[in-house]
Amino acid sequence: MSEVARFLSEVQENIERLGGDGAVRQATLDWIEAIAPHKYTYNFSWLGRPIIQFPQDLAALQEIIWASKPDLIIETGIAHGGSLIFHASILHLLGNQGRVLGVDIDIRDHNRLEIEAHPMFERIDMIQGSSIEDDVAAQVAATASKAGQVMVVLDSNHTHDHVLSELEIYAPLVTKGCYMVVLDTLIEDMPEGSFPDRPWGKGDNPRTAVNSFLETTNRFEVDTAMDAKLQISVAPGGYLKCVAD
């Protein structure tokens, strides 16, 4: 066995052990609950734009993008634009002509100005409107039809009904070997009442939507190795790999 193969084998063993360690998982949940009042995810940026994600998920996303080499990354939910910049920068490093399409019901003027002024904007397109409206979905589908490999990231309204609608609309656009990443499934693991000012919470969130969606399809499988590896993630059970045409 080569040194490279030996190292990769050791990594796989590490991941498998992590996946079976309930104490580590509970420690992770305790830590996430402890840092939640400090708005931990708000404290990071990517190439100058706020990104509002755990750094571990950014590591996972770059692994996925580098391995699957999508020609188009569709993301619902733009906020400050950090994720659009992130996706565009990884595609830039790939050296292909890949583009990013962001959808948001409200692209605020100050955020739009900052995104459009960024060096990575040359790879970015944006649509303002609800991700589940027919006309918006049609625009996204038209763009995807011209691409080869397509990846989707869902990060907008986190209610069960909205995310399930997004899954039903955008899953057909994802190509075999690429991912559909559903963020904020972690809401289901948080204590009751953790989101008093939001319409989502335990029992009504992206995780419950993913569970319902997976009952209706055999095109996607949860990447459990990614969950085991990350531990700290806003998307446990939300890294869905497309395994069939």
Protein backbone atom coordinates (compact mmCIF):
# COMPACT_ATOMS: atom_id res chain seq x y z
CA MET A 1 0.00 0.00 0.00
CA SER A 2 1.35 3.43 -0.96
CA GLU A 3 1.78 6.19 1.60
CA VAL A 4 -1.09 8.13 0.02
CA ALA A 5 -3.40 5.11 0.14
CA ARG A 6 -2.36 4.39 3.73
CA PHE A 7 -3.18 7.96 4.77
CA LEU A 8 -6.57 7.89 3.04
CA SER A 9 -7.37 4.57 4.71
CA GLU A 10 -6.53 6.06 8.10
CA VAL A 11 -8.80 9.03 7.38
CA GLN A 12 -11.65 6.70 6.50
CA GLU A 13 -11.18 4.84 9.77
CA ASN A 14 -11.21 8.15 11.66
CA ILE A 15 -14.50 9.12 10.03
CA GLU A 16 -16.10 5.77 10.78
CA ARG A 17 -15.11 6.02 14.45
CA LEU A 18 -16.47 9.56 14.67
CA GLY A 19 -19.76 8.46 13.14
CA GLY A 20 -20.22 5.89 15.87
CA ASP A 21 -19.24 8.06 18.81
CA GLY A 22 -22.44 9.25 20.48
CA ALA A 23 -20.54 11.12 23.17
CA VAL A 24 -18.81 13.28 20.57
CA ARG A 25 -22.13 14.02 18.89
CA GLN A 26 -23.70 15.06 22.17
CA ALA A 27 -20.70 17.26 22.98
CA THR A 28 -21.12 18.89 19.58
CA LEU A 29 -24.80 19.59 20.20
CA ASP A 30 -24.02 21.00 23.64
CA TRP A 31 -21.40 23.31 22.13
CA ILE A 32 -23.73 24.45 19.34
CA GLU A 33 -26.44 25.25 21.88
CA ALA A 34 -23.92 27.19 23.97
CA ILE A 35 -22.66 29.37 21.11
CA ALA A 36 -26.10 29.99 19.54
CA PRO A 37 -26.85 33.14 21.62
CA HIS A 38 -23.60 34.65 20.33
CA LYS A 39 -24.72 34.34 16.68
CA TYR A 40 -21.55 32.39 15.96
CA THR A 41 -22.30 31.83 12.27
CA TYR A 42 -22.62 35.57 11.68
CA ASN A 43 -19.00 36.19 12.59
CA PHE A 44 -17.25 34.94 9.43
CA SER A 45 -16.67 36.30 5.94
CA TRP A 46 -15.38 34.96 2.64
CA LEU A 47 -13.23 37.27 0.50
CA GLY A 48 -14.71 40.26 2.27
CA ARG A 49 -18.41 39.35 2.34
CA PRO A 50 -20.33 38.02 5.38
CA ILE A 51 -21.09 34.34 4.80
CA ILE A 52 -23.19 33.27 7.85
CA GLN A 53 -22.04 29.62 7.90
CA PHE A 54 -19.99 27.31 10.07
CA PRO A 55 -16.41 27.13 8.68
CA GLN A 56 -16.71 23.33 8.71
CA ASP A 57 -19.52 23.48 6.17
CA LEU A 58 -17.39 25.67 3.93
CA ALA A 59 -14.70 22.99 4.03
CA ALA A 60 -17.31 20.40 3.07
CA LEU A 61 -18.72 22.49 0.23
CA GLN A 62 -15.28 23.06 -1.31
CA GLU A 63 -14.60 19.32 -1.16
CA ILE A 64 -17.88 18.64 -2.94
CA ILE A 65 -17.34 21.32 -5.59
CA TRP A 66 -13.76 20.24 -6.23
CA ALA A 67 -14.76 16.58 -6.60
CA SER A 68 -17.95 16.98 -8.65
CA LYS A 69 -16.88 20.01 -10.73
CA PRO A 70 -20.33 21.50 -11.36
CA ASP A 71 -20.85 23.86 -14.27
CA LEU A 72 -23.65 25.60 -12.39
CA ILE A 73 -24.31 26.07 -8.67
CA ILE A 74 -27.83 27.23 -7.83
CA GLU A 75 -28.35 28.70 -4.37
CA THR A 76 -31.61 29.85 -2.86
CA GLY A 77 -31.06 32.54 -0.25
CA ILE A 78 -28.48 35.28 -0.87
CA ALA A 79 -28.39 37.50 2.25
CA HIS A 80 -25.04 39.37 2.18
CA GLY A 81 -23.75 37.32 -0.75
CA GLY A 82 -20.88 35.57 0.98
CA SER A 83 -21.95 32.13 -0.17
CA LEU A 84 -22.28 33.27 -3.78
CA ILE A 85 -18.75 34.68 -3.60
CA PHE A 86 -17.53 31.47 -1.98
CA HIS A 87 -19.02 29.21 -4.67
CA ALA A 88 -17.75 31.47 -7.44
CA SER A 89 -14.22 31.52 -6.00
CA ILE A 90 -14.00 27.72 -5.84
CA LEU A 91 -15.29 27.45 -9.41
CA HIS A 92 -12.65 30.00 -10.39
CA LEU A 93 -9.95 27.82 -8.84
CA LEU A 94 -11.26 24.86 -10.82
CA GLY A 95 -10.43 26.84 -13.94
CA ASN A 96 -13.65 26.03 -15.76
CA GLN A 97 -16.41 28.37 -16.93
CA GLY A 98 -18.71 27.47 -14.02
CA ARG A 99 -21.30 29.98 -12.86
CA VAL A 100 -23.38 30.62 -9.76
CA LEU A 101 -27.07 31.52 -9.80
CA GLY A 102 -28.50 33.04 -6.61
CA VAL A 103 -32.21 33.40 -5.85
CA ASP A 104 -33.67 35.53 -3.08
CA ILE A 105 -37.08 37.02 -2.41
CA ASP A 106 -35.43 40.28 -1.30
CA ILE A 107 -31.98 41.23 -2.57
CA ARG A 108 -31.35 44.35 -0.54
CA ASP A 109 -29.80 47.25 -2.42
CA HIS A 110 -26.72 47.58 -0.22
CA ASN A 111 -25.97 43.86 -0.58
CA ARG A 112 -26.54 43.89 -4.33
CA LEU A 113 -24.09 46.79 -4.71
CA GLU A 114 -21.39 44.96 -2.73
CA ILE A 115 -21.90 41.70 -4.65
CA GLU A 116 -21.84 43.43 -8.03
CA ALA A 117 -18.62 45.27 -7.08
CA HIS A 118 -16.81 42.06 -6.09
CA PRO A 119 -14.15 40.53 -8.39
CA MET A 120 -16.04 37.21 -8.36
CA PHE A 121 -19.25 38.79 -9.67
CA GLU A 122 -18.24 37.97 -13.23
CA ARG A 123 -19.34 34.39 -12.47
CA ILE A 124 -22.57 35.29 -10.64
CA ASP A 125 -26.17 35.86 -11.75
CA MET A 126 -29.04 36.76 -9.42
CA ILE A 127 -32.82 36.49 -9.57
CA GLN A 128 -35.07 38.40 -7.17
CA GLY A 129 -38.25 36.54 -6.27
CA SER A 130 -39.51 33.61 -4.24
CA SER A 131 -37.63 30.43 -5.04
CA ILE A 132 -40.90 28.50 -5.24
CA GLU A 133 -42.77 30.87 -7.57
CA ASP A 134 -43.45 29.40 -11.00
CA ASP A 135 -41.78 32.18 -12.98
CA VAL A 136 -38.63 32.08 -10.85
CA ALA A 137 -38.45 28.28 -11.03
CA ALA A 138 -38.84 28.49 -14.80
CA GLN A 139 -35.96 30.97 -15.09
CA VAL A 140 -33.72 28.74 -13.00
CA ALA A 141 -34.68 25.63 -14.97
CA ALA A 142 -33.93 27.43 -18.25
CA THR A 143 -30.45 28.31 -16.99
CA ALA A 144 -29.84 24.77 -15.73
CA SER A 145 -30.88 23.30 -19.08
CA LYS A 146 -27.87 24.99 -20.68
CA ALA A 147 -25.40 23.66 -18.10
CA GLY A 148 -23.74 20.28 -17.79
CA GLN A 149 -23.23 19.33 -14.16
CA VAL A 150 -25.61 21.09 -11.76
CA MET A 151 -25.42 21.45 -7.96
CA VAL A 152 -28.08 23.02 -5.72
CA VAL A 153 -27.82 24.61 -2.26
CA LEU A 154 -31.02 25.44 -0.37
CA ASP A 155 -30.71 28.19 2.23
CA SER A 156 -33.76 30.44 2.14
CA ASN A 157 -37.00 30.14 4.13
CA HIS A 158 -36.45 27.22 6.53
CA THR A 159 -40.04 26.07 7.09
CA HIS A 160 -40.95 22.48 6.25
CA ASP A 161 -43.42 23.42 3.52
CA HIS A 162 -41.11 25.90 1.81
CA VAL A 163 -38.06 23.61 1.81
CA LEU A 164 -40.12 20.63 0.65
CA SER A 165 -41.42 22.73 -2.25
CA GLU A 166 -37.85 23.74 -3.09
CA LEU A 167 -36.74 20.11 -3.00
CA GLU A 168 -39.51 19.09 -5.36
CA ILE A 169 -38.74 21.96 -7.75
CA TYR A 170 -34.95 21.88 -7.79
CA ALA A 171 -34.09 18.20 -7.26
CA PRO A 172 -34.79 17.37 -10.93
CA LEU A 173 -32.13 19.91 -11.95
CA VAL A 174 -29.34 18.20 -9.99
CA THR A 175 -27.20 15.91 -12.12
CA LYS A 176 -25.83 12.50 -11.17
CA GLY A 177 -22.67 12.79 -9.07
CA CYS A 178 -23.50 16.29 -7.86
CA TYR A 179 -25.09 17.32 -4.58
CA MET A 180 -28.20 19.01 -3.31
CA VAL A 181 -27.19 20.57 0.01
CA VAL A 182 -30.00 21.47 2.38
CA LEU A 183 -28.72 23.86 5.03
CA ASP A 184 -30.04 24.44 8.56
CA THR A 185 -31.33 20.91 9.11
CA LEU A 186 -29.68 21.48 12.51
CA ILE A 187 -32.85 23.30 13.60
CA GLU A 188 -34.42 19.93 14.37
CA ASP A 189 -31.67 19.18 16.92
CA MET A 190 -32.00 22.49 18.75
CA PRO A 191 -34.05 22.85 21.96
CA GLU A 192 -37.72 23.75 21.70
CA GLY A 193 -38.20 27.51 21.45
CA SER A 194 -34.74 28.26 20.04
CA PHE A 195 -36.20 30.38 17.24
CA PRO A 196 -38.97 32.46 18.86
CA ASP A 197 -38.90 35.14 16.16
CA ARG A 198 -38.94 32.74 13.22
CA PRO A 199 -41.73 30.68 11.58
CA TRP A 200 -39.63 27.49 11.82
CA GLY A 201 -38.55 25.31 14.73
CA LYS A 202 -38.46 21.73 15.98
CA GLY A 203 -40.83 19.63 13.88
CA ASP A 204 -41.07 22.27 11.14
CA ASN A 205 -37.74 22.79 9.41
CA PRO A 206 -35.41 21.65 6.62
CA ARG A 207 -34.67 18.30 8.30
CA THR A 208 -38.34 17.33 8.41
CA ALA A 209 -38.63 18.40 4.77
CA VAL A 210 -35.62 16.27 3.78
CA ASN A 211 -37.09 13.27 5.59
CA SER A 212 -40.36 13.66 3.70
CA PHE A 213 -38.59 14.19 0.38
CA LEU A 214 -36.37 11.12 0.70
CA GLU A 215 -39.45 8.94 1.10
CA THR A 216 -40.44 9.87 -2.45
CA THR A 217 -37.19 9.39 -4.38
CA ASN A 218 -34.28 7.01 -4.93
CA ARG A 219 -32.17 9.58 -6.79
CA PHE A 220 -30.57 10.96 -3.63
CA GLU A 221 -28.73 9.49 -0.68
CA VAL A 222 -27.59 11.19 2.53
CA ASP A 223 -23.81 11.44 2.66
CA THR A 224 -23.46 10.05 6.17
CA ALA A 225 -19.66 10.08 5.91
CA MET A 226 -19.80 13.85 5.54
CA ASP A 227 -21.94 14.11 8.68
CA ALA A 228 -19.51 11.92 10.60
CA LYS A 229 -16.50 13.86 9.41
CA LEU A 230 -17.85 17.34 10.10
CA GLN A 231 -19.64 16.84 13.42
CA ILE A 232 -20.02 20.63 13.67
CA SER A 233 -22.41 21.48 10.83
CA VAL A 234 -25.63 23.39 10.17
CA ALA A 235 -26.62 20.63 7.76
CA PRO A 236 -26.56 17.18 9.42
CA GLY A 237 -28.44 14.83 7.12
CA GLY A 238 -28.59 17.60 4.55
CA TYR A 239 -25.72 16.64 2.26
CA LEU A 240 -27.67 14.76 -0.40
CA LYS A 241 -25.73 13.13 -3.24
CA CYS A 242 -27.49 12.48 -6.52
CA VAL A 243 -26.85 8.83 -7.34
CA ALA A 244 -29.12 8.30 -10.34
CA ASP A 245 -30.10 10.07 -13.55
